[in-house]
Amino acid sequence: MNILVIGSKGFIGTHCLNFFEQKGAVVYGCDVVVDYTSKHYFLIDATNADFKEIFEKHSFDICINCSGASSVAESIQNPRRDFELNTMNVFKLLDAIRQFSPDCKFVQISSAAVYGNPVQLPVKETNELAPISPYGWHKLYSEQLCSEFVTLYNNKVAIVRPFSVYGAGLKKQLFWDVYQKIKKNIPFQLYGTGRETRDFMHVSDLLHLIELIIEKGAFNGEVYNAANGNAISISEVVGLFASLFNCEIKYTFGNQIKEGDPLYWQADVKKIQSLNYVPKKTIEEGLKEYLEWVEENA
């Protein structure tokens, strides 16, 4: 099997490339970062990505799009850049596949940000979509583009909506931020009230899910939540992480709400369970592994 991973130098993309290589697939990477060592790698222009030549000259069974901007705050500050990376590039990918590789299955890594602040929990894939950030809107537009190309051109597409993915290699977001603050060995403050909830998924479980979708998915534009169906408060998960350190840690929550961030998330996971998805990594195991990695790489 030939697989192309777009955004192969990013957090999820790097894990994705390594995962499928270990499964025996021939995996090609594609990103904006220069790579002089990889045999199977395509360098694209960060300011004007063009995928036509890649699909015209090479044949792939699967294309997994892990690329795009991933910061809500940056999307608010620079919505045009976020649109180009999260929406326009998806159009370019779908159009290149339409023209040169119509049998290639396309996995679009979207985001639970398309749900915004859900009116009911757990969130089903069929829930109303009401993004509250440019990032969420642009991910929604990319999903609509996928539906357009499925409906009008018979592209083969599956859409994955990750909730809160974490693991080795992630140098941003909650656990990275908390680690940096703890290492300063002074009391610190975190955003929010601590009562906000997230549905965490270890990156290895996300890759396991993507593998199941490739094996069993219909690729008719269907959507899958990527989470474990467990709502855990920020206060509780920070407490779990802090308990792994051999020191006294003092912190508070400042009650500030970040613009564009949802308050409460929990995914309905019946659809991925129908693919026989079962999580392999508990939050406790995942946090311990993350701490081991971050202490070597911070």
Protein backbone atom coordinates (compact mmCIF):
# COMPACT_ATOMS: atom_id res chain seq x y z
CA MET A 1 0.00 0.00 0.00
CA ASN A 2 1.27 3.47 -0.94
CA ILE A 3 0.32 6.20 1.53
CA LEU A 4 0.93 9.96 1.29
CA VAL A 5 0.93 11.93 4.56
CA ILE A 6 0.41 15.67 4.07
CA GLY A 7 1.88 17.65 6.96
CA SER A 8 4.29 14.83 7.78
CA LYS A 9 6.55 17.07 9.90
CA GLY A 10 3.79 18.08 12.29
CA PHE A 11 2.75 16.38 15.53
CA ILE A 12 0.07 14.03 14.16
CA GLY A 13 1.74 13.78 10.75
CA THR A 14 5.05 12.53 12.16
CA HIS A 15 3.31 9.84 14.20
CA CYS A 16 1.16 8.92 11.21
CA LEU A 17 4.15 8.45 8.90
CA ASN A 18 6.03 6.32 11.43
CA PHE A 19 2.94 4.25 12.29
CA PHE A 20 2.17 3.18 8.74
CA GLU A 21 5.84 2.60 7.91
CA GLN A 22 5.96 0.17 10.82
CA LYS A 23 2.87 -1.52 9.38
CA GLY A 24 4.82 -2.22 6.18
CA ALA A 25 3.30 0.43 3.91
CA VAL A 26 5.34 2.55 1.53
CA VAL A 27 4.83 5.98 3.08
CA TYR A 28 5.63 9.33 1.48
CA GLY A 29 5.83 12.52 3.49
CA CYS A 30 4.91 16.01 2.31
CA ASP A 31 5.48 19.29 4.14
CA VAL A 32 7.03 22.76 3.95
CA VAL A 33 10.16 21.78 5.92
CA VAL A 34 13.34 20.92 4.01
CA ASP A 35 14.34 17.25 4.42
CA TYR A 36 17.63 16.04 2.93
CA THR A 37 17.50 12.49 4.26
CA SER A 38 14.07 10.99 3.52
CA LYS A 39 13.83 9.01 0.29
CA HIS A 40 10.10 9.49 -0.06
CA TYR A 41 9.44 13.15 0.62
CA PHE A 42 7.87 16.08 -1.22
CA LEU A 43 8.72 19.66 -0.32
CA ILE A 44 5.94 22.15 -1.03
CA ASP A 45 5.86 25.94 -1.05
CA ALA A 46 4.64 27.27 2.29
CA THR A 47 3.12 30.33 0.64
CA ASN A 48 1.55 28.68 -2.41
CA ALA A 49 1.18 24.93 -2.06
CA ASP A 50 0.54 23.01 -5.28
CA PHE A 51 -0.13 19.27 -5.17
CA LYS A 52 -0.90 18.62 -8.85
CA GLU A 53 2.57 17.47 -9.81
CA ILE A 54 2.71 15.05 -6.89
CA PHE A 55 -0.49 13.27 -7.90
CA GLU A 56 0.26 13.50 -11.61
CA LYS A 57 3.59 11.69 -11.26
CA HIS A 58 2.85 9.29 -8.39
CA SER A 59 0.10 6.86 -7.48
CA PHE A 60 -1.22 6.57 -3.94
CA ASP A 61 -3.82 4.30 -2.38
CA ILE A 62 -4.35 6.63 0.59
CA CYS A 63 -3.74 10.32 1.24
CA ILE A 64 -3.98 11.43 4.88
CA ASN A 65 -4.16 15.20 5.37
CA CYS A 66 -2.60 16.08 8.72
CA SER A 67 -1.57 19.55 7.57
CA GLY A 68 -2.87 22.99 8.45
CA ALA A 69 -2.70 25.59 11.19
CA SER A 70 -3.77 24.34 14.62
CA SER A 71 -3.97 27.40 16.86
CA VAL A 72 -7.30 28.98 17.73
CA ALA A 73 -5.57 32.09 19.05
CA GLU A 74 -3.50 32.53 15.87
CA SER A 75 -6.60 32.01 13.72
CA ILE A 76 -8.22 34.95 15.51
CA GLN A 77 -5.13 37.11 14.95
CA ASN A 78 -4.53 36.04 11.35
CA PRO A 79 -7.69 34.50 9.86
CA ARG A 80 -6.46 34.72 6.27
CA ARG A 81 -3.41 32.57 6.95
CA ASP A 82 -5.57 30.07 8.81
CA PHE A 83 -8.03 29.96 5.90
CA GLU A 84 -5.27 29.32 3.38
CA LEU A 85 -3.76 26.49 5.40
CA ASN A 86 -6.95 24.83 6.67
CA THR A 87 -9.34 25.42 3.78
CA MET A 88 -7.65 26.47 0.54
CA ASN A 89 -5.03 23.70 0.71
CA VAL A 90 -7.78 21.12 1.18
CA PHE A 91 -9.41 22.34 -2.02
CA LYS A 92 -6.06 22.03 -3.83
CA LEU A 93 -5.60 18.47 -2.54
CA LEU A 94 -9.10 17.36 -3.47
CA ASP A 95 -8.81 18.91 -6.91
CA ALA A 96 -5.44 17.29 -7.61
CA ILE A 97 -6.86 13.89 -6.58
CA ARG A 98 -9.93 14.49 -8.76
CA GLN A 99 -7.76 15.17 -11.80
CA PHE A 100 -4.93 12.69 -11.47
CA SER A 101 -5.72 10.01 -8.86
CA PRO A 102 -9.49 9.48 -8.57
CA ASP A 103 -9.09 6.09 -6.85
CA CYS A 104 -7.00 7.54 -4.03
CA LYS A 105 -8.84 7.49 -0.69
CA PHE A 106 -8.57 10.80 1.17
CA VAL A 107 -8.63 11.04 4.98
CA GLN A 108 -9.27 14.62 6.12
CA ILE A 109 -8.17 15.36 9.68
CA SER A 110 -10.69 18.00 10.69
CA SER A 111 -11.42 19.08 14.28
CA ALA A 112 -14.06 18.96 16.99
CA ALA A 113 -13.82 22.77 16.83
CA VAL A 114 -16.55 22.56 14.18
CA TYR A 115 -19.01 21.85 17.04
CA GLY A 116 -18.22 25.02 18.98
CA ASN A 117 -20.01 24.92 22.35
CA PRO A 118 -22.35 21.92 22.02
CA VAL A 119 -25.89 22.33 23.34
CA GLN A 120 -25.94 18.68 24.43
CA LEU A 121 -23.40 16.07 25.46
CA PRO A 122 -22.07 13.70 24.35
CA VAL A 123 -21.62 15.25 20.90
CA LYS A 124 -22.79 13.14 17.97
CA GLU A 125 -21.42 13.49 14.45
CA THR A 126 -24.91 14.61 13.41
CA ASN A 127 -25.07 17.48 15.91
CA GLU A 128 -25.48 21.04 14.69
CA LEU A 129 -22.16 22.61 13.73
CA ALA A 130 -21.60 26.06 15.26
CA PRO A 131 -17.90 27.01 15.34
CA ILE A 132 -16.82 29.85 17.64
CA SER A 133 -13.39 30.60 16.12
CA PRO A 134 -11.96 31.20 12.63
CA TYR A 135 -10.12 27.91 13.06
CA GLY A 136 -13.38 26.06 13.64
CA TRP A 137 -15.09 27.79 10.71
CA HIS A 138 -12.21 27.00 8.36
CA LYS A 139 -12.23 23.34 9.38
CA LEU A 140 -15.97 23.33 8.68
CA TYR A 141 -15.40 24.84 5.24
CA SER A 142 -12.85 22.11 4.52
CA GLU A 143 -15.44 19.49 5.43
CA GLN A 144 -17.95 21.14 3.09
CA LEU A 145 -15.35 21.02 0.32
CA CYS A 146 -14.97 17.30 0.96
CA SER A 147 -18.73 16.89 0.60
CA GLU A 148 -18.67 18.91 -2.63
CA PHE A 149 -16.01 16.70 -4.21
CA VAL A 150 -17.72 13.50 -3.04
CA THR A 151 -21.08 14.62 -4.44
CA LEU A 152 -19.96 16.17 -7.72
CA TYR A 153 -16.79 14.23 -8.59
CA ASN A 154 -17.07 10.95 -6.65
CA ASN A 155 -13.89 11.56 -4.69
CA LYS A 156 -13.36 8.98 -1.95
CA VAL A 157 -13.29 10.83 1.37
CA ALA A 158 -13.55 10.13 5.10
CA ILE A 159 -13.51 12.94 7.67
CA VAL A 160 -12.05 12.56 11.17
CA ARG A 161 -12.87 15.04 13.95
CA PRO A 162 -10.25 14.75 16.73
CA PHE A 163 -11.19 16.22 20.08
CA SER A 164 -8.10 16.61 22.33
CA VAL A 165 -5.17 14.60 21.00
CA TYR A 166 -1.95 14.50 22.99
CA GLY A 167 1.30 12.53 23.12
CA ALA A 168 5.04 12.66 22.57
CA GLY A 169 6.07 15.41 20.17
CA LEU A 170 3.39 17.89 21.18
CA LYS A 171 5.18 21.09 22.19
CA LYS A 172 2.12 23.22 22.86
CA GLN A 173 -1.29 23.09 24.52
CA LEU A 174 -2.20 22.10 28.06
CA PHE A 175 0.37 19.52 29.17
CA TRP A 176 3.32 21.26 27.54
CA ASP A 177 2.25 24.54 29.12
CA VAL A 178 1.79 22.99 32.56
CA TYR A 179 5.19 21.26 32.35
CA GLN A 180 6.93 24.54 31.53
CA LYS A 181 5.25 26.22 34.49
CA ILE A 182 6.00 23.39 36.93
CA LYS A 183 9.71 23.38 36.03
CA LYS A 184 9.99 27.03 37.11
CA ASN A 185 9.19 25.79 40.62
CA ILE A 186 6.97 28.75 41.52
CA PRO A 187 3.17 28.96 41.97
CA PHE A 188 1.36 29.54 38.69
CA GLN A 189 -2.06 30.31 37.27
CA LEU A 190 -3.96 28.57 34.49
CA TYR A 191 -6.75 29.85 32.25
CA GLY A 192 -10.37 29.00 32.91
CA THR A 193 -12.15 27.75 35.99
CA GLY A 194 -10.82 24.19 35.92
CA ARG A 195 -14.37 22.90 35.48
CA GLU A 196 -14.12 22.92 31.67
CA THR A 197 -14.05 19.41 30.22
CA ARG A 198 -12.16 17.75 27.40
CA ASP A 199 -12.23 14.29 25.82
CA PHE A 200 -8.58 13.26 25.55
CA MET A 201 -7.23 10.74 23.05
CA HIS A 202 -3.64 9.55 22.87
CA VAL A 203 -2.11 10.00 19.44
CA SER A 204 -1.43 6.25 19.17
CA ASP A 205 -5.17 5.61 19.55
CA LEU A 206 -5.93 8.19 16.85
CA LEU A 207 -3.64 6.32 14.46
CA HIS A 208 -5.29 3.04 15.37
CA LEU A 209 -8.64 4.64 14.52
CA ILE A 210 -7.36 5.98 11.18
CA GLU A 211 -6.16 2.47 10.34
CA LEU A 212 -9.63 1.08 11.09
CA ILE A 213 -11.26 3.76 8.93
CA ILE A 214 -8.95 2.92 6.03
CA GLU A 215 -9.83 -0.77 6.41
CA LYS A 216 -13.57 -0.47 7.02
CA GLY A 217 -14.72 3.03 6.07
CA ALA A 218 -17.14 3.67 3.19
CA PHE A 219 -15.24 6.77 1.99
CA ASN A 220 -18.43 8.44 0.90
CA GLY A 221 -17.85 11.61 2.90
CA GLU A 222 -18.73 10.07 6.27
CA VAL A 223 -17.60 11.74 9.51
CA TYR A 224 -16.06 10.13 12.59
CA ASN A 225 -15.54 11.60 16.04
CA ALA A 226 -12.03 10.82 17.29
CA ALA A 227 -12.13 10.60 21.08
CA ASN A 228 -12.75 8.06 23.83
CA GLY A 229 -16.13 9.28 25.08
CA ASN A 230 -14.76 10.31 28.48
CA ALA A 231 -15.27 13.85 29.75
CA ILE A 232 -12.57 14.86 32.22
CA SER A 233 -12.28 18.30 33.79
CA ILE A 234 -9.18 20.39 33.24
CA SER A 235 -8.74 20.54 37.00
CA GLU A 236 -8.75 16.74 37.27
CA VAL A 237 -6.39 16.10 34.38
CA VAL A 238 -3.93 18.78 35.52
CA GLY A 239 -4.03 17.14 38.95
CA LEU A 240 -3.22 13.76 37.40
CA PHE A 241 -0.29 15.24 35.50
CA ALA A 242 1.00 17.18 38.52
CA SER A 243 0.90 14.02 40.66
CA LEU A 244 3.65 12.52 38.48
CA PHE A 245 6.18 15.10 39.69
CA ASN A 246 8.24 14.57 42.82
CA CYS A 247 7.65 18.03 44.22
CA GLU A 248 4.93 20.19 45.73
CA ILE A 249 3.05 22.05 43.01
CA LYS A 250 0.90 25.08 43.71
CA TYR A 251 -1.44 26.46 41.07
CA THR A 252 -4.79 28.18 40.69
CA PHE A 253 -7.28 28.86 37.92
CA GLY A 254 -7.74 32.53 36.99
CA ASN A 255 -11.30 32.21 35.66
CA GLN A 256 -10.37 33.88 32.36
CA ILE A 257 -12.02 32.31 29.32
CA LYS A 258 -9.89 32.19 26.18
CA GLU A 259 -11.63 33.59 23.12
CA GLY A 260 -12.63 30.81 20.73
CA ASP A 261 -12.18 27.95 23.22
CA PRO A 262 -15.19 25.71 23.94
CA LEU A 263 -16.25 25.08 27.52
CA TYR A 264 -17.36 21.46 27.65
CA TRP A 265 -16.56 18.57 25.35
CA GLN A 266 -17.46 14.90 25.37
CA ALA A 267 -17.79 12.83 22.21
CA ASP A 268 -20.34 10.23 21.30
CA VAL A 269 -18.14 7.36 20.09
CA LYS A 270 -20.73 4.79 19.00
CA LYS A 271 -19.77 5.24 15.36
CA ILE A 272 -16.09 4.42 15.86
CA GLN A 273 -17.02 1.59 18.21
CA SER A 274 -18.94 0.10 15.27
CA LEU A 275 -15.55 -0.18 13.54
CA ASN A 276 -14.33 -2.14 16.60
CA TYR A 277 -12.32 0.79 17.93
CA VAL A 278 -11.20 0.26 21.52
CA PRO A 279 -8.73 2.66 23.17
CA LYS A 280 -5.41 1.08 24.12
CA LYS A 281 -3.96 3.91 26.23
CA THR A 282 -5.46 5.25 29.45
CA ILE A 283 -5.02 8.92 30.32
CA GLU A 284 -2.77 7.90 33.23
CA GLU A 285 -0.52 5.82 30.94
CA GLY A 286 -0.48 8.52 28.29
CA LEU A 287 0.47 11.28 30.72
CA LYS A 288 3.29 9.19 32.20
CA GLU A 289 4.68 8.57 28.71
CA TYR A 290 4.34 12.23 27.82
CA LEU A 291 6.25 13.30 30.92
CA GLU A 292 9.06 10.87 30.10
CA TRP A 293 9.27 12.30 26.59
CA VAL A 294 9.04 15.95 27.58
CA GLU A 295 11.77 15.62 30.22
CA GLU A 296 14.12 14.42 27.48
CA ASN A 297 13.05 16.95 24.85
CA ALA A 298 11.96 20.18 26.57
